[in-house]
Amino acid sequence: MGFFNIPGLLSLIPIGLRMLLKGKVPPVIHHSIDEVDDVKRIFKELDQ
């Protein structure tokens, strides 16, 4: 299924509406991580 597969994308509309009604759609703009420095430090320690 590609980005320009219009019939395929239209077939997903009922699934998307059900997800929207049940609150299962992720936010369009995500929230930032408060402790981003800690996450970077952990990944740096694991990378070594």
PDB file of N, CA and C in Angstrom:
ATOM      1  N   MET A   1       0.862  -1.177   0.000  1.00  0.00           N
ATOM      2  CA  MET A   1       0.000   0.000   0.000  1.00  0.00           C
ATOM      3  C   MET A   1       0.898   1.226   0.000  1.00  0.00           C
ATOM      4  N   GLY A   2       0.732   2.058  -0.965  1.00  0.00           N
ATOM      5  CA  GLY A   2       1.554   3.245  -1.084  1.00  0.00           C
ATOM      6  C   GLY A   2       0.797   4.503  -0.691  1.00  0.00           C
ATOM      7  N   PHE A   3       1.503   5.581  -0.738  1.00  0.00           N
ATOM      8  CA  PHE A   3       0.931   6.866  -0.358  1.00  0.00           C
ATOM      9  C   PHE A   3      -0.124   7.331  -1.358  1.00  0.00           C
ATOM     10  N   PHE A   4       0.048   6.951  -2.632  1.00  0.00           N
ATOM     11  CA  PHE A   4      -0.877   7.382  -3.672  1.00  0.00           C
ATOM     12  C   PHE A   4      -1.881   6.299  -4.044  1.00  0.00           C
ATOM     13  N   ASN A   5      -1.998   5.266  -3.228  1.00  0.00           N
ATOM     14  CA  ASN A   5      -2.972   4.206  -3.460  1.00  0.00           C
ATOM     15  C   ASN A   5      -4.314   4.666  -2.880  1.00  0.00           C
ATOM     16  N   ILE A   6      -5.018   5.476  -3.640  1.00  0.00           N
ATOM     17  CA  ILE A   6      -6.250   6.107  -3.154  1.00  0.00           C
ATOM     18  C   ILE A   6      -7.314   5.078  -2.777  1.00  0.00           C
ATOM     19  N   PRO A   7      -7.599   4.059  -3.605  1.00  0.00           N
ATOM     20  CA  PRO A   7      -8.612   3.075  -3.191  1.00  0.00           C
ATOM     21  C   PRO A   7      -8.232   2.341  -1.903  1.00  0.00           C
ATOM     22  N   GLY A   8      -6.957   2.039  -1.757  1.00  0.00           N
ATOM     23  CA  GLY A   8      -6.517   1.368  -0.532  1.00  0.00           C
ATOM     24  C   GLY A   8      -6.655   2.257   0.688  1.00  0.00           C
ATOM     25  N   LEU A   9      -6.322   3.530   0.529  1.00  0.00           N
ATOM     26  CA  LEU A   9      -6.455   4.465   1.648  1.00  0.00           C
ATOM     27  C   LEU A   9      -7.916   4.706   2.009  1.00  0.00           C
ATOM     28  N   LEU A  10      -8.782   4.752   1.001  1.00  0.00           N
ATOM     29  CA  LEU A  10     -10.210   4.940   1.273  1.00  0.00           C
ATOM     30  C   LEU A  10     -10.793   3.742   2.015  1.00  0.00           C
ATOM     31  N   SER A  11     -10.236   2.567   1.784  1.00  0.00           N
ATOM     32  CA  SER A  11     -10.736   1.386   2.485  1.00  0.00           C
ATOM     33  C   SER A  11     -10.384   1.416   3.970  1.00  0.00           C
ATOM     34  N   LEU A  12      -9.410   2.248   4.349  1.00  0.00           N
ATOM     35  CA  LEU A  12      -9.008   2.355   5.757  1.00  0.00           C
ATOM     36  C   LEU A  12      -9.823   3.379   6.546  1.00  0.00           C
ATOM     37  N   ILE A  13     -10.689   4.115   5.881  1.00  0.00           N
ATOM     38  CA  ILE A  13     -11.482   5.150   6.567  1.00  0.00           C
ATOM     39  C   ILE A  13     -12.347   4.567   7.688  1.00  0.00           C
ATOM     40  N   PRO A  14     -13.065   3.460   7.472  1.00  0.00           N
ATOM     41  CA  PRO A  14     -13.866   2.924   8.590  1.00  0.00           C
ATOM     42  C   PRO A  14     -13.017   2.540   9.804  1.00  0.00           C
ATOM     43  N   ILE A  15     -11.837   1.985   9.563  1.00  0.00           N
ATOM     44  CA  ILE A  15     -10.955   1.607  10.671  1.00  0.00           C
ATOM     45  C   ILE A  15     -10.480   2.858  11.407  1.00  0.00           C
ATOM     46  N   GLY A  16     -10.118   3.890  10.636  1.00  0.00           N
ATOM     47  CA  GLY A  16      -9.667   5.139  11.252  1.00  0.00           C
ATOM     48  C   GLY A  16     -10.754   5.798  12.079  1.00  0.00           C
ATOM     49  N   LEU A  17     -11.988   5.761  11.596  1.00  0.00           N
ATOM     50  CA  LEU A  17     -13.095   6.358  12.355  1.00  0.00           C
ATOM     51  C   LEU A  17     -13.340   5.596  13.653  1.00  0.00           C
ATOM     52  N   ARG A  18     -13.253   4.259  13.587  1.00  0.00           N
ATOM     53  CA  ARG A  18     -13.429   3.460  14.811  1.00  0.00           C
ATOM     54  C   ARG A  18     -12.327   3.772  15.820  1.00  0.00           C
ATOM     55  N   MET A  19     -11.096   3.902  15.326  1.00  0.00           N
ATOM     56  CA  MET A  19      -9.990   4.245  16.223  1.00  0.00           C
ATOM     57  C   MET A  19     -10.191   5.616  16.847  1.00  0.00           C
ATOM     58  N   LEU A  20     -10.662   6.566  16.045  1.00  0.00           N
ATOM     59  CA  LEU A  20     -10.888   7.922  16.544  1.00  0.00           C
ATOM     60  C   LEU A  20     -11.962   7.930  17.622  1.00  0.00           C
ATOM     61  N   LEU A  21     -13.042   7.183  17.416  1.00  0.00           N
ATOM     62  CA  LEU A  21     -14.130   7.156  18.390  1.00  0.00           C
ATOM     63  C   LEU A  21     -13.714   6.487  19.693  1.00  0.00           C
ATOM     64  N   LYS A  22     -12.781   5.532  19.624  1.00  0.00           N
ATOM     65  CA  LYS A  22     -12.350   4.829  20.834  1.00  0.00           C
ATOM     66  C   LYS A  22     -11.121   5.473  21.472  1.00  0.00           C
ATOM     67  N   GLY A  23     -10.648   6.590  20.897  1.00  0.00           N
ATOM     68  CA  GLY A  23      -9.518   7.302  21.483  1.00  0.00           C
ATOM     69  C   GLY A  23      -8.186   6.620  21.245  1.00  0.00           C
ATOM     70  N   LYS A  24      -8.046   5.879  20.162  1.00  0.00           N
ATOM     71  CA  LYS A  24      -6.819   5.130  19.893  1.00  0.00           C
ATOM     72  C   LYS A  24      -5.889   5.830  18.909  1.00  0.00           C
ATOM     73  N   VAL A  25      -6.210   7.048  18.500  1.00  0.00           N
ATOM     74  CA  VAL A  25      -5.399   7.761  17.527  1.00  0.00           C
ATOM     75  C   VAL A  25      -4.311   8.523  18.272  1.00  0.00           C
ATOM     76  N   PRO A  26      -3.042   8.343  17.879  1.00  0.00           N
ATOM     77  CA  PRO A  26      -1.969   9.078  18.558  1.00  0.00           C
ATOM     78  C   PRO A  26      -2.041  10.562  18.237  1.00  0.00           C
ATOM     79  N   PRO A  27      -1.499  11.407  19.092  1.00  0.00           N
ATOM     80  CA  PRO A  27      -1.530  12.842  18.830  1.00  0.00           C
ATOM     81  C   PRO A  27      -0.669  13.194  17.615  1.00  0.00           C
ATOM     82  N   VAL A  28      -1.069  14.214  16.906  1.00  0.00           N
ATOM     83  CA  VAL A  28      -0.322  14.644  15.724  1.00  0.00           C
ATOM     84  C   VAL A  28       1.011  15.267  16.136  1.00  0.00           C
ATOM     85  N   ILE A  29       0.989  16.084  17.163  1.00  0.00           N
ATOM     86  CA  ILE A  29       2.214  16.703  17.686  1.00  0.00           C
ATOM     87  C   ILE A  29       2.532  16.030  19.024  1.00  0.00           C
ATOM     88  N   HIS A  30       3.646  15.320  19.069  1.00  0.00           N
ATOM     89  CA  HIS A  30       3.980  14.587  20.293  1.00  0.00           C
ATOM     90  C   HIS A  30       4.552  15.521  21.346  1.00  0.00           C
ATOM     91  N   HIS A  31       4.489  15.096  22.591  1.00  0.00           N
ATOM     92  CA  HIS A  31       5.029  15.898  23.683  1.00  0.00           C
ATOM     93  C   HIS A  31       6.513  15.586  23.835  1.00  0.00           C
ATOM     94  N   SER A  32       7.257  16.534  24.339  1.00  0.00           N
ATOM     95  CA  SER A  32       8.687  16.337  24.501  1.00  0.00           C
ATOM     96  C   SER A  32       8.967  15.591  25.806  1.00  0.00           C
ATOM     97  N   ILE A  33      10.095  14.919  25.839  1.00  0.00           N
ATOM     98  CA  ILE A  33      10.501  14.172  27.030  1.00  0.00           C
ATOM     99  C   ILE A  33      11.125  15.153  28.019  1.00  0.00           C
ATOM    100  N   ASP A  34      10.691  15.078  29.267  1.00  0.00           N
ATOM    101  CA  ASP A  34      11.197  15.994  30.283  1.00  0.00           C
ATOM    102  C   ASP A  34      12.671  15.723  30.605  1.00  0.00           C
ATOM    103  N   GLU A  35      13.026  14.450  30.752  1.00  0.00           N
ATOM    104  CA  GLU A  35      14.392  14.073  31.133  1.00  0.00           C
ATOM    105  C   GLU A  35      15.184  13.622  29.912  1.00  0.00           C
ATOM    106  N   VAL A  36      15.231  14.445  28.865  1.00  0.00           N
ATOM    107  CA  VAL A  36      15.909  14.051  27.631  1.00  0.00           C
ATOM    108  C   VAL A  36      17.409  13.872  27.856  1.00  0.00           C
ATOM    109  N   ASP A  37      18.003  14.625  28.766  1.00  0.00           N
ATOM    110  CA  ASP A  37      19.431  14.468  29.049  1.00  0.00           C
ATOM    111  C   ASP A  37      19.727  13.108  29.672  1.00  0.00           C
ATOM    112  N   ASP A  38      18.832  12.636  30.546  1.00  0.00           N
ATOM    113  CA  ASP A  38      19.016  11.313  31.148  1.00  0.00           C
ATOM    114  C   ASP A  38      18.920  10.219  30.086  1.00  0.00           C
ATOM    115  N   VAL A  39      17.992  10.354  29.166  1.00  0.00           N
ATOM    116  CA  VAL A  39      17.831   9.357  28.103  1.00  0.00           C
ATOM    117  C   VAL A  39      19.068   9.327  27.225  1.00  0.00           C
ATOM    118  N   LYS A  40      19.591  10.496  26.870  1.00  0.00           N
ATOM    119  CA  LYS A  40      20.808  10.559  26.053  1.00  0.00           C
ATOM    120  C   LYS A  40      21.988   9.929  26.791  1.00  0.00           C
ATOM    121  N   ARG A  41      22.079  10.180  28.095  1.00  0.00           N
ATOM    122  CA  ARG A  41      23.171   9.616  28.889  1.00  0.00           C
ATOM    123  C   ARG A  41      23.088   8.097  28.927  1.00  0.00           C
ATOM    124  N   ILE A  42      21.887   7.564  29.096  1.00  0.00           N
ATOM    125  CA  ILE A  42      21.698   6.110  29.134  1.00  0.00           C
ATOM    126  C   ILE A  42      22.119   5.480  27.802  1.00  0.00           C
ATOM    127  N   PHE A  43      21.694   6.074  26.702  1.00  0.00           N
ATOM    128  CA  PHE A  43      22.040   5.521  25.391  1.00  0.00           C
ATOM    129  C   PHE A  43      23.562   5.622  25.153  1.00  0.00           C
ATOM    130  N   LYS A  44      24.178   6.713  25.629  1.00  0.00           N
ATOM    131  CA  LYS A  44      25.615   6.860  25.451  1.00  0.00           C
ATOM    132  C   LYS A  44      26.351   5.800  26.252  1.00  0.00           C
ATOM    133  N   GLU A  45      25.876   5.500  27.473  1.00  0.00           N
ATOM    134  CA  GLU A  45      26.507   4.469  28.301  1.00  0.00           C
ATOM    135  C   GLU A  45      26.331   3.089  27.673  1.00  0.00           C
ATOM    136  N   LEU A  46      25.172   2.829  27.093  1.00  0.00           N
ATOM    137  CA  LEU A  46      24.941   1.522  26.479  1.00  0.00           C
ATOM    138  C   LEU A  46      25.728   1.365  25.174  1.00  0.00           C
ATOM    139  N   ASP A  47      26.026   2.462  24.513  1.00  0.00           N
ATOM    140  CA  ASP A  47      26.727   2.413  23.237  1.00  0.00           C
ATOM    141  C   ASP A  47      28.208   2.063  23.434  1.00  0.00           C
ATOM    142  N   GLN A  48      28.773   2.365  24.593  1.00  0.00           N
ATOM    143  CA  GLN A  48      30.198   2.128  24.834  1.00  0.00           C
ATOM    144  C   GLN A  48      30.493   0.691  25.122  1.00  0.00           C
TER     145      GLN A  48
END
